[in-house]
């Protein structure tokens, strides 16, 4: 099993769970997506970020 650190979107607490124990909100992964020079969707991701 692979553990990934997650961060609460509301209170900013770090956890390994999908839901924050402090405020019962969703958490997001803090790890960046893997980079690939052959990425077909890179320009769409960049456009979405702006």
PDB file of N, CA and C in Angstrom:
ATOM      1  N   UNK A   1       0.841  -1.176   0.000  1.00  0.00           N
ATOM      2  CA  UNK A   1       0.000   0.000   0.000  1.00  0.00           C
ATOM      3  C   UNK A   1       0.890   1.243   0.000  1.00  0.00           C
ATOM      4  N   UNK A   2       0.488   2.223  -0.737  1.00  0.00           N
ATOM      5  CA  UNK A   2       1.264   3.440  -0.899  1.00  0.00           C
ATOM      6  C   UNK A   2       0.565   4.583  -0.176  1.00  0.00           C
ATOM      7  N   UNK A   3       1.266   5.213   0.743  1.00  0.00           N
ATOM      8  CA  UNK A   3       0.687   6.322   1.484  1.00  0.00           C
ATOM      9  C   UNK A   3       1.098   7.633   0.847  1.00  0.00           C
ATOM     10  N   UNK A   4       0.143   8.535   0.711  1.00  0.00           N
ATOM     11  CA  UNK A   4       0.438   9.843   0.174  1.00  0.00           C
ATOM     12  C   UNK A   4      -0.117  10.895   1.120  1.00  0.00           C
ATOM     13  N   UNK A   5       0.696  11.872   1.377  1.00  0.00           N
ATOM     14  CA  UNK A   5       0.315  12.955   2.257  1.00  0.00           C
ATOM     15  C   UNK A   5      -0.774  13.795   1.605  1.00  0.00           C
ATOM     16  N   UNK A   6      -1.760  14.201   2.392  1.00  0.00           N
ATOM     17  CA  UNK A   6      -2.873  15.001   1.898  1.00  0.00           C
ATOM     18  C   UNK A   6      -3.037  16.217   2.793  1.00  0.00           C
ATOM     19  N   UNK A   7      -3.625  17.279   2.257  1.00  0.00           N
ATOM     20  CA  UNK A   7      -3.814  18.519   3.005  1.00  0.00           C
ATOM     21  C   UNK A   7      -5.275  18.931   2.938  1.00  0.00           C
ATOM     22  N   UNK A   8      -5.807  19.340   4.081  1.00  0.00           N
ATOM     23  CA  UNK A   8      -7.196  19.789   4.160  1.00  0.00           C
ATOM     24  C   UNK A   8      -7.340  21.119   3.426  1.00  0.00           C
ATOM     25  N   UNK A   9      -8.401  21.259   2.648  1.00  0.00           N
ATOM     26  CA  UNK A   9      -8.615  22.488   1.890  1.00  0.00           C
ATOM     27  C   UNK A   9      -9.150  23.616   2.766  1.00  0.00           C
ATOM     28  N   UNK A  10      -9.717  23.284   3.909  1.00  0.00           N
ATOM     29  CA  UNK A  10     -10.304  24.317   4.777  1.00  0.00           C
ATOM     30  C   UNK A  10      -9.344  24.772   5.874  1.00  0.00           C
ATOM     31  N   UNK A  11      -8.860  23.838   6.691  1.00  0.00           N
ATOM     32  CA  UNK A  11      -8.053  24.231   7.857  1.00  0.00           C
ATOM     33  C   UNK A  11      -6.552  24.128   7.613  1.00  0.00           C
ATOM     34  N   UNK A  12      -6.123  23.456   6.540  1.00  0.00           N
ATOM     35  CA  UNK A  12      -4.710  23.365   6.212  1.00  0.00           C
ATOM     36  C   UNK A  12      -3.956  22.277   6.959  1.00  0.00           C
ATOM     37  N   UNK A  13      -4.653  21.393   7.653  1.00  0.00           N
ATOM     38  CA  UNK A  13      -4.009  20.304   8.392  1.00  0.00           C
ATOM     39  C   UNK A  13      -3.578  19.199   7.424  1.00  0.00           C
ATOM     40  N   UNK A  14      -2.460  18.553   7.725  1.00  0.00           N
ATOM     41  CA  UNK A  14      -1.960  17.447   6.915  1.00  0.00           C
ATOM     42  C   UNK A  14      -2.436  16.122   7.492  1.00  0.00           C
ATOM     43  N   UNK A  15      -2.787  15.170   6.611  1.00  0.00           N
ATOM     44  CA  UNK A  15      -3.299  13.880   7.029  1.00  0.00           C
ATOM     45  C   UNK A  15      -3.047  12.853   5.927  1.00  0.00           C
ATOM     46  N   UNK A  16      -3.330  11.598   6.197  1.00  0.00           N
ATOM     47  CA  UNK A  16      -3.251  10.543   5.193  1.00  0.00           C
ATOM     48  C   UNK A  16      -4.644  10.108   4.742  1.00  0.00           C
ATOM     49  N   UNK A  17      -5.668  10.690   5.314  1.00  0.00           N
ATOM     50  CA  UNK A  17      -7.051  10.294   5.042  1.00  0.00           C
ATOM     51  C   UNK A  17      -7.686  11.158   3.954  1.00  0.00           C
ATOM     52  N   UNK A  18      -8.802  10.683   3.396  1.00  0.00           N
ATOM     53  CA  UNK A  18      -9.553  11.424   2.380  1.00  0.00           C
ATOM     54  C   UNK A  18     -10.354  12.571   2.996  1.00  0.00           C
ATOM     55  N   UNK A  19     -10.737  12.420   4.257  1.00  0.00           N
ATOM     56  CA  UNK A  19     -11.536  13.421   4.971  1.00  0.00           C
ATOM     57  C   UNK A  19     -10.749  13.883   6.196  1.00  0.00           C
ATOM     58  N   UNK A  20     -10.722  15.199   6.428  1.00  0.00           N
ATOM     59  CA  UNK A  20     -10.007  15.772   7.573  1.00  0.00           C
ATOM     60  C   UNK A  20     -10.739  15.430   8.868  1.00  0.00           C
ATOM     61  N   UNK A  21      -9.997  15.015   9.889  1.00  0.00           N
ATOM     62  CA  UNK A  21     -10.608  14.677  11.175  1.00  0.00           C
ATOM     63  C   UNK A  21     -11.048  15.920  11.945  1.00  0.00           C
ATOM     64  N   UNK A  22     -10.342  17.050  11.747  1.00  0.00           N
ATOM     65  CA  UNK A  22     -10.643  18.274  12.498  1.00  0.00           C
ATOM     66  C   UNK A  22     -11.932  18.945  12.037  1.00  0.00           C
ATOM     67  N   UNK A  23     -12.116  19.052  10.705  1.00  0.00           N
ATOM     68  CA  UNK A  23     -13.255  19.831  10.213  1.00  0.00           C
ATOM     69  C   UNK A  23     -14.153  19.075   9.235  1.00  0.00           C
ATOM     70  N   UNK A  24     -13.919  17.795   9.015  1.00  0.00           N
ATOM     71  CA  UNK A  24     -14.736  16.945   8.139  1.00  0.00           C
ATOM     72  C   UNK A  24     -14.866  17.472   6.712  1.00  0.00           C
ATOM     73  N   UNK A  25     -13.789  18.042   6.181  1.00  0.00           N
ATOM     74  CA  UNK A  25     -13.765  18.527   4.801  1.00  0.00           C
ATOM     75  C   UNK A  25     -12.887  17.612   3.954  1.00  0.00           C
ATOM     76  N   UNK A  26     -13.020  17.726   2.634  1.00  0.00           N
ATOM     77  CA  UNK A  26     -12.196  16.937   1.719  1.00  0.00           C
ATOM     78  C   UNK A  26     -10.742  17.374   1.795  1.00  0.00           C
ATOM     79  N   UNK A  27      -9.841  16.444   1.470  1.00  0.00           N
ATOM     80  CA  UNK A  27      -8.417  16.751   1.444  1.00  0.00           C
ATOM     81  C   UNK A  27      -7.902  16.583   0.020  1.00  0.00           C
ATOM     82  N   UNK A  28      -6.803  17.279  -0.301  1.00  0.00           N
ATOM     83  CA  UNK A  28      -6.175  17.198  -1.616  1.00  0.00           C
ATOM     84  C   UNK A  28      -4.767  16.660  -1.464  1.00  0.00           C
ATOM     85  N   UNK A  29      -4.293  15.976  -2.482  1.00  0.00           N
ATOM     86  CA  UNK A  29      -2.930  15.476  -2.478  1.00  0.00           C
ATOM     87  C   UNK A  29      -1.964  16.649  -2.609  1.00  0.00           C
ATOM     88  N   UNK A  30      -0.861  16.605  -1.869  1.00  0.00           N
ATOM     89  CA  UNK A  30       0.120  17.678  -1.926  1.00  0.00           C
ATOM     90  C   UNK A  30       1.269  17.344  -2.872  1.00  0.00           C
ATOM     91  N   UNK A  31       1.239  16.167  -3.490  1.00  0.00           N
ATOM     92  CA  UNK A  31       2.292  15.744  -4.387  1.00  0.00           C
ATOM     93  C   UNK A  31       1.984  16.225  -5.811  1.00  0.00           C
ATOM     94  N   UNK A  32       2.981  16.719  -6.528  1.00  0.00           N
ATOM     95  CA  UNK A  32       2.747  17.155  -7.907  1.00  0.00           C
ATOM     96  C   UNK A  32       2.546  15.959  -8.833  1.00  0.00           C
ATOM     97  N   UNK A  33       1.924  16.207  -9.965  1.00  0.00           N
ATOM     98  CA  UNK A  33       1.733  15.149 -10.957  1.00  0.00           C
ATOM     99  C   UNK A  33       3.085  14.774 -11.563  1.00  0.00           C
ATOM    100  N   UNK A  34       3.200  13.549 -12.028  1.00  0.00           N
ATOM    101  CA  UNK A  34       4.446  13.100 -12.646  1.00  0.00           C
ATOM    102  C   UNK A  34       4.683  13.873 -13.946  1.00  0.00           C
ATOM    103  N   UNK A  35       5.942  14.188 -14.220  1.00  0.00           N
ATOM    104  CA  UNK A  35       6.300  14.908 -15.432  1.00  0.00           C
ATOM    105  C   UNK A  35       6.720  13.935 -16.509  1.00  0.00           C
ATOM    106  N   UNK A  36       6.239  14.186 -17.713  1.00  0.00           N
ATOM    107  CA  UNK A  36       6.639  13.384 -18.853  1.00  0.00           C
ATOM    108  C   UNK A  36       6.847  14.326 -20.044  1.00  0.00           C
ATOM    109  N   UNK A  37       7.982  14.257 -20.720  1.00  0.00           N
ATOM    110  CA  UNK A  37       8.194  15.113 -21.881  1.00  0.00           C
ATOM    111  C   UNK A  37       7.274  14.762 -23.052  1.00  0.00           C
ATOM    112  N   UNK A  38       6.682  13.584 -23.031  1.00  0.00           N
ATOM    113  CA  UNK A  38       5.774  13.149 -24.096  1.00  0.00           C
ATOM    114  C   UNK A  38       4.316  13.414 -23.752  1.00  0.00           C
ATOM    115  N   UNK A  39       4.044  14.278 -22.799  1.00  0.00           N
ATOM    116  CA  UNK A  39       2.690  14.545 -22.335  1.00  0.00           C
ATOM    117  C   UNK A  39       1.857  15.207 -23.436  1.00  0.00           C
ATOM    118  N   UNK A  40       0.776  14.542 -23.851  1.00  0.00           N
ATOM    119  CA  UNK A  40      -0.073  15.060 -24.915  1.00  0.00           C
ATOM    120  C   UNK A  40      -0.967  16.201 -24.439  1.00  0.00           C
ATOM    121  N   UNK A  41      -1.240  16.270 -23.131  1.00  0.00           N
ATOM    122  CA  UNK A  41      -2.211  17.218 -22.606  1.00  0.00           C
ATOM    123  C   UNK A  41      -1.569  18.380 -21.860  1.00  0.00           C
ATOM    124  N   UNK A  42      -0.270  18.593 -22.035  1.00  0.00           N
ATOM    125  CA  UNK A  42       0.447  19.633 -21.314  1.00  0.00           C
ATOM    126  C   UNK A  42      -0.130  21.017 -21.579  1.00  0.00           C
ATOM    127  N   UNK A  43      -0.386  21.355 -22.818  1.00  0.00           N
ATOM    128  CA  UNK A  43      -0.882  22.711 -23.105  1.00  0.00           C
ATOM    129  C   UNK A  43      -2.272  22.945 -22.521  1.00  0.00           C
ATOM    130  N   UNK A  44      -3.090  21.907 -22.429  1.00  0.00           N
ATOM    131  CA  UNK A  44      -4.408  22.063 -21.817  1.00  0.00           C
ATOM    132  C   UNK A  44      -4.299  22.309 -20.315  1.00  0.00           C
ATOM    133  N   UNK A  45      -3.353  21.617 -19.660  1.00  0.00           N
ATOM    134  CA  UNK A  45      -3.150  21.807 -18.231  1.00  0.00           C
ATOM    135  C   UNK A  45      -2.623  23.213 -17.937  1.00  0.00           C
ATOM    136  N   UNK A  46      -1.710  23.683 -18.781  1.00  0.00           N
ATOM    137  CA  UNK A  46      -1.173  25.036 -18.604  1.00  0.00           C
ATOM    138  C   UNK A  46      -2.269  26.074 -18.824  1.00  0.00           C
ATOM    139  N   UNK A  47      -3.093  25.889 -19.848  1.00  0.00           N
ATOM    140  CA  UNK A  47      -4.185  26.817 -20.122  1.00  0.00           C
ATOM    141  C   UNK A  47      -5.212  26.815 -18.987  1.00  0.00           C
ATOM    142  N   UNK A  48      -5.438  25.663 -18.389  1.00  0.00           N
ATOM    143  CA  UNK A  48      -6.394  25.553 -17.274  1.00  0.00           C
ATOM    144  C   UNK A  48      -5.872  26.244 -16.036  1.00  0.00           C
ATOM    145  N   UNK A  49      -4.541  26.255 -15.856  1.00  0.00           N
ATOM    146  CA  UNK A  49      -3.922  26.862 -14.690  1.00  0.00           C
ATOM    147  C   UNK A  49      -4.030  28.383 -14.721  1.00  0.00           C
ATOM    148  N   UNK A  50      -3.975  28.982 -15.917  1.00  0.00           N
ATOM    149  CA  UNK A  50      -3.993  30.434 -16.076  1.00  0.00           C
ATOM    150  C   UNK A  50      -5.351  31.023 -15.962  1.00  0.00           C
TER     151      UNK A  50
END
